Amino acid sequence: MFFRNESHHLTKAEICDTLWPKKDDANDTEHSDLMIESDRGRAYELKIK
């Protein structure tokens, strides 16, 4: 999703609706070299550690 989006930013709703359609929160991420960071509540961005 992040790579396909031109700005590499997604809203919480976009993440939840796609990955966890029955989940209210996008805070659950897997442990890896990739990290999802919040941009002050506006959007989420994929970062590589």
PDB file of N, CA and C in Angstrom:
ATOM      1  N   MET A   1       0.822  -1.185   0.000  1.00  0.00           N
ATOM      2  CA  MET A   1       0.000   0.000   0.000  1.00  0.00           C
ATOM      3  C   MET A   1       0.869   1.253   0.000  1.00  0.00           C
ATOM      4  N   PHE A   2       1.904   1.281   0.843  1.00  0.00           N
ATOM      5  CA  PHE A   2       2.761   2.462   0.905  1.00  0.00           C
ATOM      6  C   PHE A   2       3.536   2.663  -0.393  1.00  0.00           C
ATOM      7  N   PHE A   3       4.040   1.579  -0.964  1.00  0.00           N
ATOM      8  CA  PHE A   3       4.820   1.690  -2.186  1.00  0.00           C
ATOM      9  C   PHE A   3       3.953   2.091  -3.375  1.00  0.00           C
ATOM     10  N   ARG A   4       2.706   1.681  -3.386  1.00  0.00           N
ATOM     11  CA  ARG A   4       1.796   2.017  -4.490  1.00  0.00           C
ATOM     12  C   ARG A   4       1.276   3.448  -4.404  1.00  0.00           C
ATOM     13  N   ASN A   5       1.253   4.006  -3.208  1.00  0.00           N
ATOM     14  CA  ASN A   5       0.788   5.371  -3.015  1.00  0.00           C
ATOM     15  C   ASN A   5       1.928   6.332  -3.353  1.00  0.00           C
ATOM     16  N   GLU A   6       1.680   7.274  -4.237  1.00  0.00           N
ATOM     17  CA  GLU A   6       2.735   8.177  -4.725  1.00  0.00           C
ATOM     18  C   GLU A   6       3.454   8.906  -3.595  1.00  0.00           C
ATOM     19  N   SER A   7       2.746   9.349  -2.586  1.00  0.00           N
ATOM     20  CA  SER A   7       3.365  10.095  -1.485  1.00  0.00           C
ATOM     21  C   SER A   7       3.907   9.188  -0.386  1.00  0.00           C
ATOM     22  N   HIS A   8       3.599   7.895  -0.459  1.00  0.00           N
ATOM     23  CA  HIS A   8       3.974   6.912   0.562  1.00  0.00           C
ATOM     24  C   HIS A   8       3.350   7.230   1.914  1.00  0.00           C
ATOM     25  N   HIS A   9       2.275   8.003   1.923  1.00  0.00           N
ATOM     26  CA  HIS A   9       1.525   8.323   3.135  1.00  0.00           C
ATOM     27  C   HIS A   9       0.118   7.752   3.008  1.00  0.00           C
ATOM     28  N   LEU A  10      -0.386   7.210   4.095  1.00  0.00           N
ATOM     29  CA  LEU A  10      -1.742   6.670   4.135  1.00  0.00           C
ATOM     30  C   LEU A  10      -2.423   7.137   5.411  1.00  0.00           C
ATOM     31  N   THR A  11      -3.713   7.306   5.354  1.00  0.00           N
ATOM     32  CA  THR A  11      -4.455   7.630   6.562  1.00  0.00           C
ATOM     33  C   THR A  11      -4.694   6.352   7.363  1.00  0.00           C
ATOM     34  N   LYS A  12      -4.997   6.531   8.623  1.00  0.00           N
ATOM     35  CA  LYS A  12      -5.312   5.397   9.491  1.00  0.00           C
ATOM     36  C   LYS A  12      -6.499   4.621   8.933  1.00  0.00           C
ATOM     37  N   ALA A  13      -7.497   5.336   8.442  1.00  0.00           N
ATOM     38  CA  ALA A  13      -8.681   4.686   7.873  1.00  0.00           C
ATOM     39  C   ALA A  13      -8.314   3.836   6.666  1.00  0.00           C
ATOM     40  N   GLU A  14      -7.427   4.323   5.808  1.00  0.00           N
ATOM     41  CA  GLU A  14      -7.008   3.556   4.623  1.00  0.00           C
ATOM     42  C   GLU A  14      -6.307   2.262   5.029  1.00  0.00           C
ATOM     43  N   ILE A  15      -5.441   2.342   6.028  1.00  0.00           N
ATOM     44  CA  ILE A  15      -4.724   1.155   6.505  1.00  0.00           C
ATOM     45  C   ILE A  15      -5.704   0.160   7.112  1.00  0.00           C
ATOM     46  N   CYS A  16      -6.525   0.638   8.030  1.00  0.00           N
ATOM     47  CA  CYS A  16      -7.470  -0.251   8.714  1.00  0.00           C
ATOM     48  C   CYS A  16      -8.456  -0.895   7.750  1.00  0.00           C
ATOM     49  N   ASP A  17      -9.013  -0.104   6.858  1.00  0.00           N
ATOM     50  CA  ASP A  17     -10.015  -0.634   5.926  1.00  0.00           C
ATOM     51  C   ASP A  17      -9.446  -1.709   5.020  1.00  0.00           C
ATOM     52  N   THR A  18      -8.161  -1.591   4.667  1.00  0.00           N
ATOM     53  CA  THR A  18      -7.539  -2.555   3.761  1.00  0.00           C
ATOM     54  C   THR A  18      -6.995  -3.775   4.498  1.00  0.00           C
ATOM     55  N   LEU A  19      -6.235  -3.544   5.561  1.00  0.00           N
ATOM     56  CA  LEU A  19      -5.554  -4.643   6.246  1.00  0.00           C
ATOM     57  C   LEU A  19      -6.383  -5.313   7.331  1.00  0.00           C
ATOM     58  N   TRP A  20      -7.136  -4.518   8.074  1.00  0.00           N
ATOM     59  CA  TRP A  20      -7.915  -5.036   9.189  1.00  0.00           C
ATOM     60  C   TRP A  20      -9.332  -4.486   9.098  1.00  0.00           C
ATOM     61  N   PRO A  21     -10.142  -4.976   8.185  1.00  0.00           N
ATOM     62  CA  PRO A  21     -11.471  -4.403   7.981  1.00  0.00           C
ATOM     63  C   PRO A  21     -12.368  -4.428   9.221  1.00  0.00           C
ATOM     64  N   LYS A  22     -12.123  -5.313  10.159  1.00  0.00           N
ATOM     65  CA  LYS A  22     -12.954  -5.379  11.362  1.00  0.00           C
ATOM     66  C   LYS A  22     -12.266  -4.762  12.578  1.00  0.00           C
ATOM     67  N   LYS A  23     -11.110  -4.135  12.372  1.00  0.00           N
ATOM     68  CA  LYS A  23     -10.330  -3.575  13.478  1.00  0.00           C
ATOM     69  C   LYS A  23     -10.429  -2.054  13.476  1.00  0.00           C
ATOM     70  N   ASP A  24     -10.550  -1.450  14.658  1.00  0.00           N
ATOM     71  CA  ASP A  24     -10.682   0.004  14.778  1.00  0.00           C
ATOM     72  C   ASP A  24      -9.351   0.743  14.825  1.00  0.00           C
ATOM     73  N   ASP A  25      -8.242   0.034  15.053  1.00  0.00           N
ATOM     74  CA  ASP A  25      -6.961   0.692  15.309  1.00  0.00           C
ATOM     75  C   ASP A  25      -5.851   0.111  14.447  1.00  0.00           C
ATOM     76  N   ALA A  26      -4.991   0.950  13.921  1.00  0.00           N
ATOM     77  CA  ALA A  26      -3.883   0.509  13.070  1.00  0.00           C
ATOM     78  C   ALA A  26      -2.573   0.434  13.839  1.00  0.00           C
ATOM     79  N   ASN A  27      -2.617   0.322  15.148  1.00  0.00           N
ATOM     80  CA  ASN A  27      -1.395   0.302  15.950  1.00  0.00           C
ATOM     81  C   ASN A  27      -0.681  -1.046  15.943  1.00  0.00           C
ATOM     82  N   ASP A  28      -1.331  -2.122  15.528  1.00  0.00           N
ATOM     83  CA  ASP A  28      -0.699  -3.435  15.516  1.00  0.00           C
ATOM     84  C   ASP A  28       0.122  -3.621  14.249  1.00  0.00           C
ATOM     85  N   THR A  29       1.448  -3.686  14.400  1.00  0.00           N
ATOM     86  CA  THR A  29       2.337  -3.930  13.262  1.00  0.00           C
ATOM     87  C   THR A  29       3.294  -5.051  13.634  1.00  0.00           C
ATOM     88  N   GLU A  30       3.826  -5.708  12.639  1.00  0.00           N
ATOM     89  CA  GLU A  30       4.771  -6.796  12.864  1.00  0.00           C
ATOM     90  C   GLU A  30       6.156  -6.235  13.147  1.00  0.00           C
ATOM     91  N   HIS A  31       6.977  -6.996  13.891  1.00  0.00           N
ATOM     92  CA  HIS A  31       8.354  -6.598  14.169  1.00  0.00           C
ATOM     93  C   HIS A  31       9.213  -6.955  12.967  1.00  0.00           C
ATOM     94  N   SER A  32       9.861  -5.951  12.383  1.00  0.00           N
ATOM     95  CA  SER A  32      10.734  -6.166  11.236  1.00  0.00           C
ATOM     96  C   SER A  32      11.582  -4.922  11.044  1.00  0.00           C
ATOM     97  N   ASP A  33      12.290  -4.834   9.924  1.00  0.00           N
ATOM     98  CA  ASP A  33      13.077  -3.648   9.602  1.00  0.00           C
ATOM     99  C   ASP A  33      12.195  -2.508   9.102  1.00  0.00           C
ATOM    100  N   LEU A  34      10.926  -2.782   8.920  1.00  0.00           N
ATOM    101  CA  LEU A  34       9.985  -1.766   8.476  1.00  0.00           C
ATOM    102  C   LEU A  34       9.186  -1.263   9.669  1.00  0.00           C
ATOM    103  N   MET A  35       8.938   0.034   9.677  1.00  0.00           N
ATOM    104  CA  MET A  35       8.213   0.637  10.784  1.00  0.00           C
ATOM    105  C   MET A  35       7.170   1.596  10.216  1.00  0.00           C
ATOM    106  N   ILE A  36       5.995   1.609  10.813  1.00  0.00           N
ATOM    107  CA  ILE A  36       4.949   2.540  10.422  1.00  0.00           C
ATOM    108  C   ILE A  36       4.946   3.672  11.439  1.00  0.00           C
ATOM    109  N   GLU A  37       5.182   4.914  10.944  1.00  0.00           N
ATOM    110  CA  GLU A  37       5.219   6.078  11.821  1.00  0.00           C
ATOM    111  C   GLU A  37       4.033   6.980  11.552  1.00  0.00           C
ATOM    112  N   SER A  38       3.553   7.606  12.603  1.00  0.00           N
ATOM    113  CA  SER A  38       2.448   8.546  12.490  1.00  0.00           C
ATOM    114  C   SER A  38       2.993   9.937  12.200  1.00  0.00           C
ATOM    115  N   ASP A  39       2.314  10.666  11.325  1.00  0.00           N
ATOM    116  CA  ASP A  39       2.664  12.048  11.007  1.00  0.00           C
ATOM    117  C   ASP A  39       1.682  12.961  11.734  1.00  0.00           C
ATOM    118  N   ARG A  40       1.835  13.035  13.068  1.00  0.00           N
ATOM    119  CA  ARG A  40       1.000  13.868  13.935  1.00  0.00           C
ATOM    120  C   ARG A  40      -0.487  13.675  13.710  1.00  0.00           C
ATOM    121  N   GLY A  41      -0.899  12.424  13.560  1.00  0.00           N
ATOM    122  CA  GLY A  41      -2.306  12.113  13.434  1.00  0.00           C
ATOM    123  C   GLY A  41      -2.902  12.346  12.066  1.00  0.00           C
ATOM    124  N   ARG A  42      -2.131  12.839  11.105  1.00  0.00           N
ATOM    125  CA  ARG A  42      -2.654  13.097   9.759  1.00  0.00           C
ATOM    126  C   ARG A  42      -2.568  11.870   8.867  1.00  0.00           C
ATOM    127  N   ALA A  43      -1.429  11.180   8.928  1.00  0.00           N
ATOM    128  CA  ALA A  43      -1.214  10.038   8.043  1.00  0.00           C
ATOM    129  C   ALA A  43      -0.151   9.140   8.659  1.00  0.00           C
ATOM    130  N   TYR A  44       0.070   7.994   8.048  1.00  0.00           N
ATOM    131  CA  TYR A  44       1.110   7.073   8.461  1.00  0.00           C
ATOM    132  C   TYR A  44       2.102   6.933   7.327  1.00  0.00           C
ATOM    133  N   GLU A  45       3.372   6.731   7.683  1.00  0.00           N
ATOM    134  CA  GLU A  45       4.432   6.619   6.687  1.00  0.00           C
ATOM    135  C   GLU A  45       5.265   5.375   6.978  1.00  0.00           C
ATOM    136  N   LEU A  46       5.657   4.660   5.939  1.00  0.00           N
ATOM    137  CA  LEU A  46       6.488   3.477   6.072  1.00  0.00           C
ATOM    138  C   LEU A  46       7.943   3.913   6.123  1.00  0.00           C
ATOM    139  N   LYS A  47       8.660   3.510   7.174  1.00  0.00           N
ATOM    140  CA  LYS A  47      10.068   3.825   7.347  1.00  0.00           C
ATOM    141  C   LYS A  47      10.867   2.532   7.396  1.00  0.00           C
ATOM    142  N   ILE A  48      12.082   2.564   6.863  1.00  0.00           N
ATOM    143  CA  ILE A  48      12.993   1.421   6.944  1.00  0.00           C
ATOM    144  C   ILE A  48      14.036   1.771   7.987  1.00  0.00           C
ATOM    145  N   LYS A  49      14.193   0.882   8.981  1.00  0.00           N
ATOM    146  CA  LYS A  49      15.136   1.130  10.084  1.00  0.00           C
ATOM    147  C   LYS A  49      16.562   1.039   9.602  1.00  0.00           C
TER     148      LYS A  49
END
